[in-house]
Protein backbone atom coordinates (compact mmCIF):
# COMPACT_ATOMS: atom_id res chain seq x y z
CA UNK A 1 -96.86 97.68 112.21
CA UNK A 2 -100.17 97.85 114.08
CA UNK A 3 -101.21 94.56 112.51
CA UNK A 4 -98.00 92.85 113.67
CA UNK A 5 -98.48 94.25 117.17
CA UNK A 6 -102.05 92.97 117.27
CA UNK A 7 -100.93 89.48 116.27
CA UNK A 8 -98.24 89.47 118.98
CA UNK A 9 -100.72 90.59 121.65
CA UNK A 10 -103.13 87.89 120.52
CA UNK A 11 -100.59 85.15 121.07
CA UNK A 12 -99.72 86.50 124.50
CA UNK A 13 -103.19 87.01 125.97
CA UNK A 14 -105.40 84.53 124.10
CA UNK A 15 -107.17 82.08 126.43
CA UNK A 16 -106.31 78.84 124.68
CA UNK A 17 -104.84 75.48 125.59
CA UNK A 18 -101.11 75.99 125.81
CA UNK A 19 -97.98 74.06 124.94
CA UNK A 20 -95.45 76.00 127.00
CA UNK A 21 -91.92 74.85 126.23
CA UNK A 22 -90.35 74.19 129.62
CA UNK A 23 -87.62 71.93 128.28
CA UNK A 24 -86.29 68.84 130.03
CA UNK A 25 -82.51 68.18 129.75
CA UNK A 26 -81.61 65.26 127.47
CA UNK A 27 -78.15 64.02 128.51
CA UNK A 28 -78.27 61.20 131.10
CA UNK A 29 -82.03 61.67 131.49
CA UNK A 30 -83.78 58.25 131.57
CA UNK A 31 -87.20 59.66 130.67
CA UNK A 32 -86.12 59.91 127.02
CA UNK A 33 -85.17 56.22 126.95
CA UNK A 34 -88.55 55.30 128.43
CA UNK A 35 -90.48 57.32 125.84
CA UNK A 36 -88.46 55.75 123.01
CA UNK A 37 -89.28 52.30 124.38
CA UNK A 38 -93.00 53.05 124.72
CA UNK A 39 -93.13 54.47 121.19
CA UNK A 40 -91.41 51.40 119.71
CA UNK A 41 -93.98 49.18 121.46
CA UNK A 42 -96.78 51.31 119.91
CA UNK A 43 -98.04 52.39 123.33
CA UNK A 44 -97.58 56.07 122.42
CA UNK A 45 -96.61 58.00 119.29
CA UNK A 46 -93.83 60.60 119.26
CA UNK A 47 -91.79 62.58 116.77
CA UNK A 48 -88.29 62.07 118.18
CA UNK A 49 -86.44 64.09 115.51
CA UNK A 50 -86.20 67.18 117.74
CA UNK A 51 -85.19 67.27 121.39
CA UNK A 52 -85.43 68.35 124.16
CA UNK A 53 -89.11 67.72 124.83
CA UNK A 54 -91.21 70.03 126.94
CA UNK A 55 -92.34 68.81 130.35
CA UNK A 56 -95.99 69.20 129.33
CA UNK A 57 -95.35 66.98 126.29
CA UNK A 58 -93.72 64.30 128.48
CA UNK A 59 -96.56 64.49 131.02
CA UNK A 60 -99.18 63.88 128.35
CA UNK A 61 -97.25 60.99 126.82
CA UNK A 62 -96.91 59.31 130.22
CA UNK A 63 -100.64 59.78 130.76
CA UNK A 64 -101.36 58.19 127.38
CA UNK A 65 -99.16 55.26 128.35
CA UNK A 66 -101.06 54.84 131.62
CA UNK A 67 -104.33 54.79 129.68
CA UNK A 68 -102.86 51.88 127.67
CA UNK A 69 -101.67 50.02 130.76
CA UNK A 70 -102.81 46.68 129.28
CA UNK A 71 -99.97 46.99 126.73
CA UNK A 72 -97.29 47.37 129.42
CA UNK A 73 -95.45 44.78 131.44
CA UNK A 74 -95.01 45.24 135.19
CA UNK A 75 -91.67 47.06 134.99
CA UNK A 76 -92.87 49.46 132.30
CA UNK A 77 -96.07 50.24 134.21
CA UNK A 78 -94.05 50.88 137.38
CA UNK A 79 -91.79 53.24 135.39
CA UNK A 80 -94.74 55.22 134.02
CA UNK A 81 -96.36 55.61 137.44
CA UNK A 82 -92.99 56.47 138.98
CA UNK A 83 -92.31 59.35 136.58
CA UNK A 84 -95.88 60.65 136.65
CA UNK A 85 -95.21 61.64 140.27
CA UNK A 86 -92.84 64.23 138.86
CA UNK A 87 -94.74 65.28 135.74
CA UNK A 88 -98.13 65.57 137.46
CA UNK A 89 -96.95 69.13 138.18
CA UNK A 90 -97.89 69.81 134.55
CA UNK A 91 -101.52 68.96 135.38
CA UNK A 92 -104.00 70.48 133.00
CA UNK A 93 -101.31 71.82 130.63
CA UNK A 94 -102.36 69.70 127.68
CA UNK A 95 -99.36 70.18 125.38
CA UNK A 96 -100.82 70.01 121.91
CA UNK A 97 -104.35 69.01 120.97
CA UNK A 98 -103.38 68.62 117.33
CA UNK A 99 -100.95 65.92 118.45
CA UNK A 100 -103.76 63.93 120.03
CA UNK A 101 -102.84 64.77 123.62
CA UNK A 102 -105.19 63.94 126.44
CA UNK A 103 -105.87 65.90 129.60
CA UNK A 104 -103.63 64.56 132.34
CA UNK A 105 -106.62 64.56 134.65
CA UNK A 106 -104.89 66.43 137.45
CA UNK A 107 -107.08 69.51 137.57
CA UNK A 108 -106.43 72.23 140.07
CA UNK A 109 -110.06 72.09 141.15
CA UNK A 110 -109.58 68.42 142.11
CA UNK A 111 -107.01 69.28 144.76
CA UNK A 112 -109.74 70.37 147.12
CA UNK A 113 -108.13 73.70 147.74
CA UNK A 114 -110.58 76.01 146.05
CA UNK A 115 -110.25 79.61 146.94
CA UNK A 116 -114.01 79.97 147.28
CA UNK A 117 -114.01 77.17 149.86
CA UNK A 118 -111.58 78.92 152.20
CA UNK A 119 -114.28 81.12 153.60
CA UNK A 120 -112.78 84.17 152.02
CA UNK A 121 -114.89 87.27 152.48
CA UNK A 122 -113.85 90.77 151.48
CA UNK A 123 -115.51 92.30 154.52
CA UNK A 124 -113.41 90.21 156.90
CA UNK A 125 -109.79 91.07 156.04
CA UNK A 126 -108.31 89.23 159.02
CA UNK A 127 -110.12 86.02 158.18
CA UNK A 128 -109.22 86.47 154.50
CA UNK A 129 -105.51 86.76 155.24
CA UNK A 130 -105.61 83.73 157.54
CA UNK A 131 -107.44 81.59 155.00
CA UNK A 132 -105.24 82.74 152.10
CA UNK A 133 -102.11 81.85 154.07
CA UNK A 134 -103.59 78.44 154.90
CA UNK A 135 -104.38 77.86 151.22
CA UNK A 136 -100.82 78.73 150.17
CA UNK A 137 -99.40 76.39 152.81
CA UNK A 138 -101.57 73.59 151.42
CA UNK A 139 -100.45 74.33 147.87
CA UNK A 140 -96.75 74.63 148.76
CA UNK A 141 -94.92 71.39 149.41
CA UNK A 142 -91.51 69.83 149.91
CA UNK A 143 -91.26 66.61 147.91
CA UNK A 144 -88.99 63.59 148.17
CA UNK A 145 -89.82 62.25 144.70
CA UNK A 146 -88.67 64.36 143.00
CA UNK A 147 -86.56 66.10 145.62
CA UNK A 148 -87.94 69.64 145.24
CA UNK A 149 -89.99 72.49 146.61
CA UNK A 150 -93.19 73.25 144.72
CA UNK A 151 -95.74 76.01 144.79
CA UNK A 152 -98.89 75.00 142.92
CA UNK A 153 -101.14 78.05 142.96
CA UNK A 154 -103.31 79.69 140.34
CA UNK A 155 -102.19 81.36 138.14
CA UNK A 156 -98.55 80.86 139.23
CA UNK A 157 -96.67 77.55 139.43
CA UNK A 158 -93.08 77.15 140.60
CA UNK A 159 -90.77 74.20 141.19
CA UNK A 160 -87.26 74.54 142.65
CA UNK A 161 -84.77 71.72 143.07
CA UNK A 162 -81.01 71.43 143.72
CA UNK A 163 -78.40 69.87 141.45
CA UNK A 164 -75.51 68.03 143.11
CA UNK A 165 -73.18 65.40 141.73
CA UNK A 166 -69.82 63.71 141.93
CA UNK A 167 -67.93 61.31 139.68
CA UNK A 168 -64.72 59.41 140.41
CA UNK A 169 -62.65 57.31 137.97
CA UNK A 170 -59.51 55.23 138.47
CA UNK A 171 -57.29 53.49 135.90
CA UNK A 172 -53.64 52.82 134.97
CA UNK A 173 -53.07 56.51 134.17
CA UNK A 174 -54.21 57.79 137.55
CA UNK A 175 -57.47 59.13 138.96
CA UNK A 176 -60.11 61.62 137.92
CA UNK A 177 -62.61 63.53 140.04
CA UNK A 178 -65.59 65.65 139.05
CA UNK A 179 -67.79 67.69 141.38
CA UNK A 180 -70.87 69.59 140.25
CA UNK A 181 -73.46 71.76 142.00
CA UNK A 182 -76.29 74.06 141.08
CA UNK A 183 -80.03 74.12 140.82
CA UNK A 184 -83.03 74.63 138.61
CA UNK A 185 -86.36 76.37 138.74
CA UNK A 186 -89.25 76.18 136.33
CA UNK A 187 -92.92 76.88 136.26
CA UNK A 188 -95.91 78.38 134.51
CA UNK A 189 -97.83 81.63 134.56
CA UNK A 190 -101.52 81.00 133.96
CA UNK A 191 -102.12 78.95 130.81
CA UNK A 192 -99.91 81.05 128.60
CA UNK A 193 -96.30 81.29 129.68
CA UNK A 194 -93.70 78.71 130.61
CA UNK A 195 -90.28 79.54 132.04
CA UNK A 196 -87.26 77.62 133.24
CA UNK A 197 -83.68 78.32 134.23
CA UNK A 198 -80.87 76.32 135.73
CA UNK A 199 -77.24 76.85 136.56
CA UNK A 200 -74.59 74.19 137.00
CA UNK A 201 -71.02 74.55 138.24
CA UNK A 202 -68.62 71.75 137.23
CA UNK A 203 -65.06 71.19 138.46
CA UNK A 204 -62.88 68.45 136.94
CA UNK A 205 -59.42 67.43 138.06
CA UNK A 206 -58.54 67.42 134.36
CA UNK A 207 -60.59 68.24 131.29
CA UNK A 208 -62.53 65.32 129.78
CA UNK A 209 -63.53 67.43 126.79
CA UNK A 210 -62.32 70.36 124.73
CA UNK A 211 -62.87 71.43 121.09
CA UNK A 212 -60.03 69.19 119.85
CA UNK A 213 -60.92 66.01 121.74
CA UNK A 214 -63.08 63.37 120.07
CA UNK A 215 -65.33 62.46 122.96
CA UNK A 216 -69.07 62.21 123.66
CA UNK A 217 -68.80 64.39 126.78
CA UNK A 218 -70.86 67.61 126.73
CA UNK A 219 -68.75 70.48 125.39
CA UNK A 220 -67.83 73.18 127.89
CA UNK A 221 -66.06 76.54 127.83
CA UNK A 222 -63.46 75.86 130.51
CA UNK A 223 -61.55 78.09 132.89
CA UNK A 224 -58.14 76.63 133.73
CA UNK A 225 -56.39 76.45 137.11
CA UNK A 226 -52.63 76.33 137.61
CA UNK A 227 -52.80 72.71 138.83
CA UNK A 228 -54.34 71.54 135.53
CA UNK A 229 -57.90 71.30 136.86
CA UNK A 230 -60.75 73.08 135.08
CA UNK A 231 -64.08 74.59 136.01
CA UNK A 232 -67.14 75.90 134.21
CA UNK A 233 -70.50 77.41 135.04
CA UNK A 234 -73.25 76.96 132.48
CA UNK A 235 -76.63 78.60 132.59
CA UNK A 236 -79.60 77.37 130.58
CA UNK A 237 -83.10 78.71 130.46
CA UNK A 238 -86.02 79.87 128.43
CA UNK A 239 -89.26 81.82 128.28
CA UNK A 240 -92.07 80.75 125.97
CA UNK A 241 -95.66 81.45 125.05
CA UNK A 242 -97.86 78.85 123.39
CA UNK A 243 -101.19 78.08 121.81
CA UNK A 244 -102.94 74.83 120.93
CA UNK A 245 -100.93 74.21 117.76
CA UNK A 246 -97.52 75.70 118.57
CA UNK A 247 -95.27 77.82 120.72
CA UNK A 248 -92.67 80.56 120.43
CA UNK A 249 -89.83 81.32 122.81
CA UNK A 250 -86.33 82.54 123.52
CA UNK A 251 -83.91 80.04 125.02
CA UNK A 252 -80.35 79.25 125.94
CA UNK A 253 -80.02 75.49 125.65
CA UNK A 254 -78.56 72.53 123.72
CA UNK A 255 -81.06 71.56 121.00
CA UNK A 256 -80.69 68.14 119.38
CA UNK A 257 -81.96 67.47 115.85
CA UNK A 258 -81.89 63.98 114.35
CA UNK A 259 -82.68 60.51 115.69
CA UNK A 260 -79.71 58.84 117.37
CA UNK A 261 -78.71 57.04 120.56
CA UNK A 262 -74.97 57.74 120.27
CA UNK A 263 -74.77 61.28 118.98
CA UNK A 264 -76.69 62.80 116.07
CA UNK A 265 -74.86 63.89 112.91
CA UNK A 266 -77.30 66.78 112.29
CA UNK A 267 -77.35 68.72 115.56
CA UNK A 268 -75.89 66.67 118.38
CA UNK A 269 -76.07 68.92 121.45
CA UNK A 270 -72.31 68.44 121.84
CA UNK A 271 -71.56 72.18 121.58
CA UNK A 272 -72.02 74.45 124.63
CA UNK A 273 -75.46 75.95 125.08
CA UNK A 274 -76.22 79.12 123.14
CA UNK A 275 -79.06 81.66 123.00
CA UNK A 276 -81.66 81.25 120.26
CA UNK A 277 -85.22 82.10 119.34
CA UNK A 278 -87.47 79.27 118.19
CA UNK A 279 -90.84 78.88 116.53
CA UNK A 280 -92.58 75.51 116.82
CA UNK A 281 -95.77 74.75 114.88
CA UNK A 282 -97.97 71.67 114.58
CA UNK A 283 -101.04 72.77 112.63
CA UNK A 284 -102.10 69.19 111.80
CA UNK A 285 -101.37 65.66 113.00
CA UNK A 286 -99.30 64.87 109.92
CA UNK A 287 -96.90 67.85 109.95
CA UNK A 288 -94.62 69.54 112.47
CA UNK A 289 -92.23 72.45 112.00
CA UNK A 290 -89.31 73.98 113.90
CA UNK A 291 -87.41 77.15 113.04
CA UNK A 292 -84.61 78.73 115.05
CA UNK A 293 -82.05 81.51 114.86
CA UNK A 294 -79.05 81.32 117.17
CA UNK A 295 -76.25 83.57 118.35
CA UNK A 296 -72.90 81.78 118.52
CA UNK A 297 -69.29 82.21 119.64
CA UNK A 298 -66.92 82.28 116.64
CA UNK A 299 -63.51 82.53 118.42
CA UNK A 300 -62.26 84.32 115.27
CA UNK A 301 -60.56 87.61 116.10
CA UNK A 302 -62.05 90.72 114.49
CA UNK A 303 -58.98 92.88 114.02
CA UNK A 304 -61.05 95.90 112.95
CA UNK A 305 -62.77 96.07 116.36
CA UNK A 306 -59.84 94.89 118.50
CA UNK A 307 -57.20 97.03 120.21
CA UNK A 308 -53.64 95.70 120.52
CA UNK A 309 -52.11 98.58 122.49
CA UNK A 310 -49.66 97.00 125.02
CA UNK A 311 -51.24 96.85 128.44
CA UNK A 312 -54.65 97.86 127.06
CA UNK A 313 -55.43 95.02 124.71
CA UNK A 314 -59.10 94.45 123.96
CA UNK A 315 -59.80 91.44 121.79
CA UNK A 316 -63.11 91.32 119.94
CA UNK A 317 -64.34 88.31 118.03
CA UNK A 318 -66.34 88.19 114.84
CA UNK A 319 -70.05 87.95 115.42
CA UNK A 320 -71.55 84.64 114.37
CA UNK A 321 -75.13 83.56 113.72
CA UNK A 322 -77.10 80.69 112.29
CA UNK A 323 -80.65 79.93 111.22
CA UNK A 324 -82.20 76.52 110.62
CA UNK A 325 -85.57 74.90 110.03
CA UNK A 326 -86.90 71.35 110.18
CA UNK A 327 -90.13 70.03 108.61
CA UNK A 328 -91.47 66.66 109.74
CA UNK A 329 -94.15 64.94 107.66
CA UNK A 330 -95.97 61.83 108.93
CA UNK A 331 -97.52 60.16 105.86
CA UNK A 332 -98.83 57.39 108.07
CA UNK A 333 -98.66 56.58 111.76
CA UNK A 334 -95.22 55.47 112.88
CA UNK A 335 -93.26 56.95 109.96
CA UNK A 336 -91.69 60.40 110.34
CA UNK A 337 -89.78 62.01 107.45
CA UNK A 338 -87.94 65.22 108.32
CA UNK A 339 -86.29 67.68 105.94
CA UNK A 340 -84.38 70.81 106.86
CA UNK A 341 -81.67 73.28 105.99
CA UNK A 342 -79.44 75.76 107.81
CA UNK A 343 -77.20 78.74 107.15
CA UNK A 344 -74.19 80.01 109.11
CA UNK A 345 -73.01 83.59 108.65
CA UNK A 346 -70.98 86.26 110.41
CA UNK A 347 -70.52 89.97 111.17
CA UNK A 348 -73.81 91.54 109.97
CA UNK A 349 -77.15 90.22 111.20
CA UNK A 350 -79.34 89.39 108.19
CA UNK A 351 -83.02 89.90 108.91
CA UNK A 352 -83.99 87.82 105.87
CA UNK A 353 -82.73 84.68 107.59
CA UNK A 354 -85.39 85.17 110.28
CA UNK A 355 -88.08 84.10 107.83
CA UNK A 356 -89.06 80.66 109.21
CA UNK A 357 -90.06 78.90 105.96
CA UNK A 358 -86.79 79.53 104.20
CA UNK A 359 -84.50 77.91 101.65
CA UNK A 360 -81.46 79.68 103.00
CA UNK A 361 -79.02 79.01 100.18
CA UNK A 362 -81.37 80.54 97.65
CA UNK A 363 -81.83 83.62 99.84
CA UNK A 364 -78.05 83.83 100.28
CA UNK A 365 -77.59 84.04 96.51
CA UNK A 366 -80.10 86.87 96.39
CA UNK A 367 -78.42 88.78 99.22
CA UNK A 368 -75.02 88.44 97.55
CA UNK A 369 -76.31 90.11 94.39
CA UNK A 370 -74.81 89.93 90.92
CA UNK A 371 -71.28 90.56 92.22
CA UNK A 372 -71.36 87.73 94.73
CA UNK A 373 -68.21 86.16 93.30
CA UNK A 374 -65.49 88.63 92.38
CA UNK A 375 -62.06 87.47 91.18
CA UNK A 376 -62.81 83.94 92.41
CA UNK A 377 -63.25 85.19 95.99
CA UNK A 378 -65.94 83.25 97.87
CA UNK A 379 -68.30 85.75 99.52
CA UNK A 380 -71.28 83.52 100.28
CA UNK A 381 -72.62 82.27 103.60
CA UNK A 382 -72.48 78.55 104.31
CA UNK A 383 -75.65 76.52 103.95
CA UNK A 384 -76.42 72.87 104.63
CA UNK A 385 -79.23 70.38 104.02
CA UNK A 386 -80.31 67.46 106.19
CA UNK A 387 -82.75 64.57 106.20
CA UNK A 388 -83.97 62.39 109.06
CA UNK A 389 -86.22 59.34 108.76
CA UNK A 390 -87.63 57.34 111.66
CA UNK A 391 -89.89 54.31 111.34
CA UNK A 392 -91.76 52.58 114.18
CA UNK A 393 -94.14 50.74 111.89
CA UNK A 394 -92.89 47.33 113.04
CA UNK A 395 -93.74 46.75 116.69
CA UNK A 396 -90.67 46.49 118.95
CA UNK A 397 -88.43 48.07 116.30
CA UNK A 398 -87.30 51.64 115.67
CA UNK A 399 -85.34 52.19 112.45
CA UNK A 400 -83.73 55.56 111.78
CA UNK A 401 -81.49 57.27 109.28
CA UNK A 402 -79.83 60.70 109.32
CA UNK A 403 -78.14 62.47 106.40
CA UNK A 404 -76.24 65.76 106.71
CA UNK A 405 -75.27 67.39 103.40
CA UNK A 406 -72.48 69.95 103.29
CA UNK A 407 -72.00 69.99 99.54
CA UNK A 408 -73.76 67.91 96.90
CA UNK A 409 -73.10 67.56 93.17
CA UNK A 410 -74.99 64.91 91.19
CA UNK A 411 -72.07 64.37 88.79
CA UNK A 412 -69.92 62.99 91.62
CA UNK A 413 -72.28 60.05 92.12
CA UNK A 414 -71.09 58.64 88.79
CA UNK A 415 -67.36 59.02 89.44
CA UNK A 416 -65.59 56.32 91.43
CA UNK A 417 -62.75 58.60 92.54
CA UNK A 418 -64.93 61.48 93.81
CA UNK A 419 -67.41 61.92 96.62
CA UNK A 420 -69.83 64.50 98.00
CA UNK A 421 -69.51 66.06 101.44
CA UNK A 422 -72.00 63.89 103.31
CA UNK A 423 -72.47 62.39 106.75
CA UNK A 424 -74.63 59.25 107.02
CA UNK A 425 -75.98 57.79 110.24
CA UNK A 426 -78.10 54.64 110.28
CA UNK A 427 -79.29 52.61 113.24
CA UNK A 428 -82.01 50.62 114.92
CA UNK A 429 -83.28 49.82 118.40
CA UNK A 430 -85.09 46.57 119.20
CA UNK A 431 -87.16 46.31 122.39
CA UNK A 432 -88.57 43.30 124.29
CA UNK A 433 -87.38 40.76 121.73
CA UNK A 434 -86.56 38.01 122.36
CA UNK A 435 -86.55 38.79 126.11
CA UNK A 436 -88.79 41.23 127.94
CA UNK A 437 -87.06 44.37 129.26
CA UNK A 438 -84.08 43.72 126.97
CA UNK A 439 -83.16 46.19 124.21
CA UNK A 440 -80.51 46.18 121.50
CA UNK A 441 -79.19 49.29 119.75
CA UNK A 442 -76.88 49.27 116.73
CA UNK A 443 -75.64 52.47 115.05
CA UNK A 444 -73.15 53.28 112.36
CA UNK A 445 -71.89 56.57 110.93
CA UNK A 446 -69.74 57.54 107.96
CA UNK A 447 -68.63 61.14 107.40
CA UNK A 448 -66.65 61.98 104.27
CA UNK A 449 -63.43 64.08 104.33
CA UNK A 450 -64.09 67.81 104.28
CA UNK A 451 -67.57 67.53 105.79
CA UNK A 452 -68.29 70.04 108.62
CA UNK A 453 -65.32 72.17 107.40
CA UNK A 454 -65.55 75.65 105.85
CA UNK A 455 -63.34 78.08 103.91
CA UNK A 456 -64.42 80.90 106.22
CA UNK A 457 -63.52 80.04 109.87
CA UNK A 458 -66.33 82.22 111.22
CA UNK A 459 -68.87 80.08 109.28
CA UNK A 460 -67.75 76.77 110.78
CA UNK A 461 -70.57 74.38 111.73
CA UNK A 462 -69.70 74.83 115.39
CA UNK A 463 -70.17 76.91 118.51
CA UNK A 464 -67.11 77.92 120.54
CA UNK A 465 -65.16 75.55 118.21
CA UNK A 466 -67.23 72.52 119.29
CA UNK A 467 -68.86 70.77 116.34
CA UNK A 468 -72.63 71.12 115.99
CA UNK A 469 -72.67 67.78 114.21
CA UNK A 470 -71.14 64.43 115.10
CA UNK A 471 -68.38 64.55 117.71
CA UNK A 472 -65.90 62.79 115.36
CA UNK A 473 -66.35 65.54 112.74
CA UNK A 474 -65.22 64.83 109.13
CA UNK A 475 -63.21 61.95 107.60
CA UNK A 476 -64.42 59.47 110.20
CA UNK A 477 -66.54 56.40 110.72
CA UNK A 478 -67.91 54.60 113.77
CA UNK A 479 -69.95 51.59 114.85
CA UNK A 480 -71.75 51.45 118.19
CA UNK A 481 -73.58 48.48 119.78
CA UNK A 482 -75.39 48.53 123.12
CA UNK A 483 -77.33 45.82 124.95
CA UNK A 484 -79.51 47.13 127.80
CA UNK A 485 -81.42 45.11 130.38
CA UNK A 486 -83.92 46.67 132.78
CA UNK A 487 -84.96 43.99 135.29
CA UNK A 488 -86.91 46.27 137.65
CA UNK A 489 -88.14 49.84 137.85
CA UNK A 490 -85.22 52.28 137.82
CA UNK A 491 -82.42 49.80 137.13
CA UNK A 492 -80.49 49.48 133.87
CA UNK A 493 -77.54 47.20 133.17
CA UNK A 494 -75.74 47.93 129.90
CA UNK A 495 -72.95 46.38 127.86
CA UNK A 496 -71.58 48.38 124.93
CA UNK A 497 -68.99 48.19 122.17
CA UNK A 498 -67.71 51.16 120.18
CA UNK A 499 -65.13 51.36 117.37
CA UNK A 500 -64.29 54.84 116.06
CA UNK A 501 -61.67 55.92 113.52
CA UNK A 502 -60.64 59.21 111.94
CA UNK A 503 -58.29 59.83 109.02
CA UNK A 504 -55.58 62.41 108.48
CA UNK A 505 -57.39 64.67 106.00
CA UNK A 506 -56.28 68.32 106.29
CA UNK A 507 -58.69 70.96 104.98
CA UNK A 508 -57.24 73.52 102.51
CA UNK A 509 -54.34 71.12 101.88
CA UNK A 510 -55.83 67.84 100.67
CA UNK A 511 -58.44 67.49 97.94
CA UNK A 512 -61.64 66.64 99.82
CA UNK A 513 -63.38 65.47 96.63
CA UNK A 514 -60.92 62.61 96.03
CA UNK A 515 -59.40 61.99 99.48
CA UNK A 516 -60.18 58.39 100.63
CA UNK A 517 -62.16 57.86 103.82
CA UNK A 518 -60.08 57.37 106.99
CA UNK A 519 -56.69 57.16 105.30
CA UNK A 520 -53.56 57.53 107.48
CA UNK A 521 -55.45 57.15 110.75
CA UNK A 522 -54.78 59.77 113.40
CA UNK A 523 -57.48 58.45 115.76
CA UNK A 524 -58.29 54.78 116.35
CA UNK A 525 -60.24 53.87 119.46
CA UNK A 526 -62.01 50.75 120.69
CA UNK A 527 -64.17 50.96 123.80
CA UNK A 528 -65.92 48.13 125.65
CA UNK A 529 -68.01 49.01 128.68
CA UNK A 530 -70.34 47.60 131.32
CA UNK A 531 -72.54 50.04 133.18
CA UNK A 532 -75.14 49.74 135.97
CA UNK A 533 -77.47 52.62 136.86
CA UNK A 534 -80.24 52.86 139.44
CA UNK A 535 -82.79 55.69 139.64
CA UNK A 536 -83.63 56.26 143.31
CA UNK A 537 -86.07 59.12 142.79
CA UNK A 538 -87.00 60.77 139.52
CA UNK A 539 -84.04 63.14 139.84
CA UNK A 540 -81.52 61.08 141.83
CA UNK A 541 -79.40 58.30 140.34
CA UNK A 542 -76.29 56.28 141.14
CA UNK A 543 -73.94 54.73 138.60
CA UNK A 544 -71.11 52.18 138.52
CA UNK A 545 -69.17 51.43 135.31
CA UNK A 546 -66.19 49.50 134.00
CA UNK A 547 -64.62 50.58 130.69
CA UNK A 548 -61.82 49.07 128.64
CA UNK A 549 -60.37 51.68 126.28
CA UNK A 550 -57.75 51.07 123.59
CA UNK A 551 -56.52 54.24 121.90
CA UNK A 552 -53.90 54.79 119.22
CA UNK A 553 -53.09 58.02 117.41
CA UNK A 554 -52.70 61.67 118.29
CA UNK A 555 -52.84 62.09 122.08
CA UNK A 556 -54.65 65.44 121.71
CA UNK A 557 -57.86 63.64 120.75
CA UNK A 558 -58.42 61.96 124.14
CA UNK A 559 -58.16 63.10 127.77
CA UNK A 560 -54.88 62.25 129.47
CA UNK A 561 -56.65 59.86 131.83
CA UNK A 562 -57.89 57.81 128.83
CA UNK A 563 -54.67 57.63 126.77
CA UNK A 564 -53.28 54.29 125.59
CA UNK A 565 -54.81 51.04 126.88
CA UNK A 566 -56.75 51.49 130.09
CA UNK A 567 -59.11 49.64 132.39
CA UNK A 568 -61.25 52.25 134.12
CA UNK A 569 -63.58 51.87 137.07
CA UNK A 570 -65.92 54.78 137.75
CA UNK A 571 -68.69 55.57 140.23
CA UNK A 572 -71.06 58.51 140.27
CA UNK A 573 -73.97 59.96 142.19
CA UNK A 574 -76.09 62.85 140.99
CA UNK A 575 -79.13 64.80 142.06
CA UNK A 576 -80.60 66.39 138.95
CA UNK A 577 -79.54 65.65 135.39
């Protein structure tokens, strides 16, 4: 016990270069698109299998890009300089030396506000207070880009900014309005600790997403008003400690595992945020490791802990947990091969699943013991395997593949009428060919019937009934094509095409081993869209979009505003992402 305590204290107080994980939101955040573009052009190198990225990581990658300015065109260089105005707050927080990071060059001593230069003398308390106050005023600032208040002192750093937004949509079915408000704060304590937290209130005139709907919208746990409108308040945050080859923290966020531009099939971030602990290690340039254990909402009633006395009902739900890990190996520069596995279980917290380097299914068999299967009753926890491959070896091109394995039997590969429970995603993004500032993305996904489903409802690959994996869930396929043009700094004009279908497979009724893919369609949707976005400051953007949507099938799978054939015009403005 004393040895473990000593190790913990070492990680907390050691004076080393830190990689604090102050995470940057992913959805609608253009910085991720810029980093993908720079990596495909071989300006920087990134492992994009796990998101979100930390702000210190982003700051160092932007600095690397600036050091390779000769490889950038005018628009790309303007973008890098534009975003560095925001991420210069991470000055001197070199994220990971093993990853080849460089010092951002924005040292506190270069600001000219050295405490020893203020004339501070212990014997003159009045002068000391006056000079200290003057120093703080110099180090505190209100910024336009990004719109924020910042306190840049040693050892404490703090940034506070508001979140405001509105979205309006009009089509043949009526109108839709969304209003959001909130704020975020993040910062650093010395060179050791990073922290962040944000809260966002969202009100929609009708729900654009729920656990049944097949939509790319972020999942939310709604409260319902009598007029049909909904509202939700979501809090995200984290506290982490780091060292020069890793970090450890506790978070409530939406992690994304797997390369994708239109929703990962491994861990998509579609489910509402949840609390988790995470260990991140990068002991060498060629390997990176993530391990997490999360605490989820099962929505499965635990009758043994619930009270059904009339007028005094107290409903308790079964406790739900999951653990997962992800190894990324880089055999040569530009090629990242990631392997991982996960386990979902309920009721009793199993300490063994906290072991980071774990083959969870094997451990599950050990924990079940020799009587794991009694009278054909399934008593095991539910494990999964996944693979992600990303190649940027050809300049301008990023190729990626994701495989999520629910159940695999080799014998089924040799039988034409049987299949394994797999979800495949394959795609590519092409940048600056044949036209500068033009990019093309093509993605396809196929998910076999029965995939993402479970015999035990409390073990479902989901949080609050929202799928952890692809938003279409099992027995579905999709193709997505997007053409993006960025003529100047901050502006993106996109045209996209999306065809998605889902079959009528019913778990526990149909035979998932032999059921054909997408038979008896219950969801068939074609979407064509044109979208224009402009980034005014690093955290303010405006958006105008036209979308043609053709939907056939069960009306539960789409919002009421998007049912049938519609031509939708939408506008939006947001401060913060």
